[in-house]
Amino acid sequence: MVLEENHHTKERKLARFLMNMLFMAGMTTRKP
């Protein structure tokens, strides 16, 4: 199903975005 596939890709994109945000936050907080 195309709809299911689209939903899966959207979920994966969101997860990647969240991980990127966490990584950036960690990097900025580590800086003095």
PDB file of N, CA and C in Angstrom:
ATOM      1  N   MET A   1       0.850  -1.207   0.000  1.00  0.00           N
ATOM      2  CA  MET A   1       0.000   0.000   0.000  1.00  0.00           C
ATOM      3  C   MET A   1       0.881   1.250   0.000  1.00  0.00           C
ATOM      4  N   VAL A   2       0.502   2.196  -0.801  1.00  0.00           N
ATOM      5  CA  VAL A   2       1.290   3.428  -0.891  1.00  0.00           C
ATOM      6  C   VAL A   2       1.120   4.255   0.381  1.00  0.00           C
ATOM      7  N   LEU A   3      -0.102   4.286   0.902  1.00  0.00           N
ATOM      8  CA  LEU A   3      -0.363   5.096   2.091  1.00  0.00           C
ATOM      9  C   LEU A   3       0.493   4.622   3.260  1.00  0.00           C
ATOM     10  N   GLU A   4       0.517   3.308   3.448  1.00  0.00           N
ATOM     11  CA  GLU A   4       1.301   2.759   4.562  1.00  0.00           C
ATOM     12  C   GLU A   4       2.784   3.080   4.379  1.00  0.00           C
ATOM     13  N   GLU A   5       3.246   2.958   3.145  1.00  0.00           N
ATOM     14  CA  GLU A   5       4.661   3.217   2.878  1.00  0.00           C
ATOM     15  C   GLU A   5       4.978   4.687   3.161  1.00  0.00           C
ATOM     16  N   ASN A   6       4.076   5.563   2.737  1.00  0.00           N
ATOM     17  CA  ASN A   6       4.277   6.990   2.956  1.00  0.00           C
ATOM     18  C   ASN A   6       4.324   7.283   4.451  1.00  0.00           C
ATOM     19  N   HIS A   7       3.439   6.642   5.199  1.00  0.00           N
ATOM     20  CA  HIS A   7       3.408   6.848   6.649  1.00  0.00           C
ATOM     21  C   HIS A   7       4.713   6.373   7.278  1.00  0.00           C
ATOM     22  N   HIS A   8       5.225   5.255   6.784  1.00  0.00           N
ATOM     23  CA  HIS A   8       6.464   4.709   7.340  1.00  0.00           C
ATOM     24  C   HIS A   8       7.625   5.666   7.080  1.00  0.00           C
ATOM     25  N   THR A   9       7.703   6.187   5.871  1.00  0.00           N
ATOM     26  CA  THR A   9       8.791   7.108   5.531  1.00  0.00           C
ATOM     27  C   THR A   9       8.668   8.382   6.361  1.00  0.00           C
ATOM     28  N   LYS A  10       7.429   8.819   6.572  1.00  0.00           N
ATOM     29  CA  LYS A  10       7.211  10.035   7.371  1.00  0.00           C
ATOM     30  C   LYS A  10       7.692   9.804   8.796  1.00  0.00           C
ATOM     31  N   GLU A  11       7.345   8.629   9.343  1.00  0.00           N
ATOM     32  CA  GLU A  11       7.755   8.300  10.713  1.00  0.00           C
ATOM     33  C   GLU A  11       9.273   8.266  10.804  1.00  0.00           C
ATOM     34  N   ARG A  12       9.900   7.667   9.806  1.00  0.00           N
ATOM     35  CA  ARG A  12      11.363   7.546   9.806  1.00  0.00           C
ATOM     36  C   ARG A  12      11.992   8.936   9.712  1.00  0.00           C
ATOM     37  N   LYS A  13      11.399   9.788   8.889  1.00  0.00           N
ATOM     38  CA  LYS A  13      11.933  11.145   8.737  1.00  0.00           C
ATOM     39  C   LYS A  13      11.832  11.896  10.063  1.00  0.00           C
ATOM     40  N   LEU A  14      10.692  11.718  10.746  1.00  0.00           N
ATOM     41  CA  LEU A  14      10.479  12.394  12.027  1.00  0.00           C
ATOM     42  C   LEU A  14      11.492  11.904  13.056  1.00  0.00           C
ATOM     43  N   ALA A  15      11.704  10.594  13.094  1.00  0.00           N
ATOM     44  CA  ALA A  15      12.661  10.024  14.046  1.00  0.00           C
ATOM     45  C   ALA A  15      14.057  10.575  13.766  1.00  0.00           C
ATOM     46  N   ARG A  16      14.425  10.659  12.484  1.00  0.00           N
ATOM     47  CA  ARG A  16      15.743  11.173  12.110  1.00  0.00           C
ATOM     48  C   ARG A  16      15.871  12.633  12.536  1.00  0.00           C
ATOM     49  N   PHE A  17      14.791  13.395  12.350  1.00  0.00           N
ATOM     50  CA  PHE A  17      14.794  14.804  12.728  1.00  0.00           C
ATOM     51  C   PHE A  17      14.970  14.949  14.243  1.00  0.00           C
ATOM     52  N   LEU A  18      14.249  14.132  14.998  1.00  0.00           N
ATOM     53  CA  LEU A  18      14.351  14.192  16.458  1.00  0.00           C
ATOM     54  C   LEU A  18      15.761  13.844  16.916  1.00  0.00           C
ATOM     55  N   MET A  19      16.346  12.819  16.316  1.00  0.00           N
ATOM     56  CA  MET A  19      17.705  12.414  16.685  1.00  0.00           C
ATOM     57  C   MET A  19      18.692  13.534  16.371  1.00  0.00           C
ATOM     58  N   ASN A  20      18.497  14.180  15.222  1.00  0.00           N
ATOM     59  CA  ASN A  20      19.373  15.277  14.829  1.00  0.00           C
ATOM     60  C   ASN A  20      19.262  16.415  15.841  1.00  0.00           C
ATOM     61  N   MET A  21      18.033  16.716  16.270  1.00  0.00           N
ATOM     62  CA  MET A  21      17.822  17.790  17.239  1.00  0.00           C
ATOM     63  C   MET A  21      18.509  17.453  18.560  1.00  0.00           C
ATOM     64  N   LEU A  22      18.378  16.202  19.001  1.00  0.00           N
ATOM     65  CA  LEU A  22      19.022  15.783  20.248  1.00  0.00           C
ATOM     66  C   LEU A  22      20.536  15.905  20.132  1.00  0.00           C
ATOM     67  N   PHE A  23      21.069  15.496  18.992  1.00  0.00           N
ATOM     68  CA  PHE A  23      22.514  15.558  18.775  1.00  0.00           C
ATOM     69  C   PHE A  23      22.993  17.008  18.811  1.00  0.00           C
ATOM     70  N   MET A  24      22.278  17.882  18.123  1.00  0.00           N
ATOM     71  CA  MET A  24      22.654  19.296  18.088  1.00  0.00           C
ATOM     72  C   MET A  24      22.571  19.900  19.494  1.00  0.00           C
ATOM     73  N   ALA A  25      21.525  19.555  20.226  1.00  0.00           N
ATOM     74  CA  ALA A  25      21.361  20.070  21.587  1.00  0.00           C
ATOM     75  C   ALA A  25      22.526  19.618  22.458  1.00  0.00           C
ATOM     76  N   GLY A  26      22.913  18.354  22.333  1.00  0.00           N
ATOM     77  CA  GLY A  26      24.028  17.830  23.127  1.00  0.00           C
ATOM     78  C   GLY A  26      25.324  18.550  22.776  1.00  0.00           C
ATOM     79  N   MET A  27      25.542  18.808  21.508  1.00  0.00           N
ATOM     80  CA  MET A  27      26.765  19.482  21.083  1.00  0.00           C
ATOM     81  C   MET A  27      26.809  20.908  21.629  1.00  0.00           C
ATOM     82  N   THR A  28      25.696  21.623  21.554  1.00  0.00           N
ATOM     83  CA  THR A  28      25.671  23.007  22.023  1.00  0.00           C
ATOM     84  C   THR A  28      25.835  23.072  23.538  1.00  0.00           C
ATOM     85  N   THR A  29      25.235  22.120  24.260  1.00  0.00           N
ATOM     86  CA  THR A  29      25.327  22.148  25.721  1.00  0.00           C
ATOM     87  C   THR A  29      26.737  21.769  26.176  1.00  0.00           C
ATOM     88  N   ARG A  30      27.425  20.966  25.379  1.00  0.00           N
ATOM     89  CA  ARG A  30      28.772  20.549  25.761  1.00  0.00           C
ATOM     90  C   ARG A  30      29.758  21.720  25.628  1.00  0.00           C
ATOM     91  N   LYS A  31      29.450  22.621  24.730  1.00  0.00           N
ATOM     92  CA  LYS A  31      30.366  23.759  24.528  1.00  0.00           C
ATOM     93  C   LYS A  31      30.319  24.687  25.737  1.00  0.00           C
ATOM     94  N   PRO A  32      31.438  25.203  26.158  1.00  0.00           N
ATOM     95  CA  PRO A  32      31.496  26.090  27.332  1.00  0.00           C
ATOM     96  C   PRO A  32      30.909  27.473  27.038  1.00  0.00           C
TER      97      PRO A  32
END
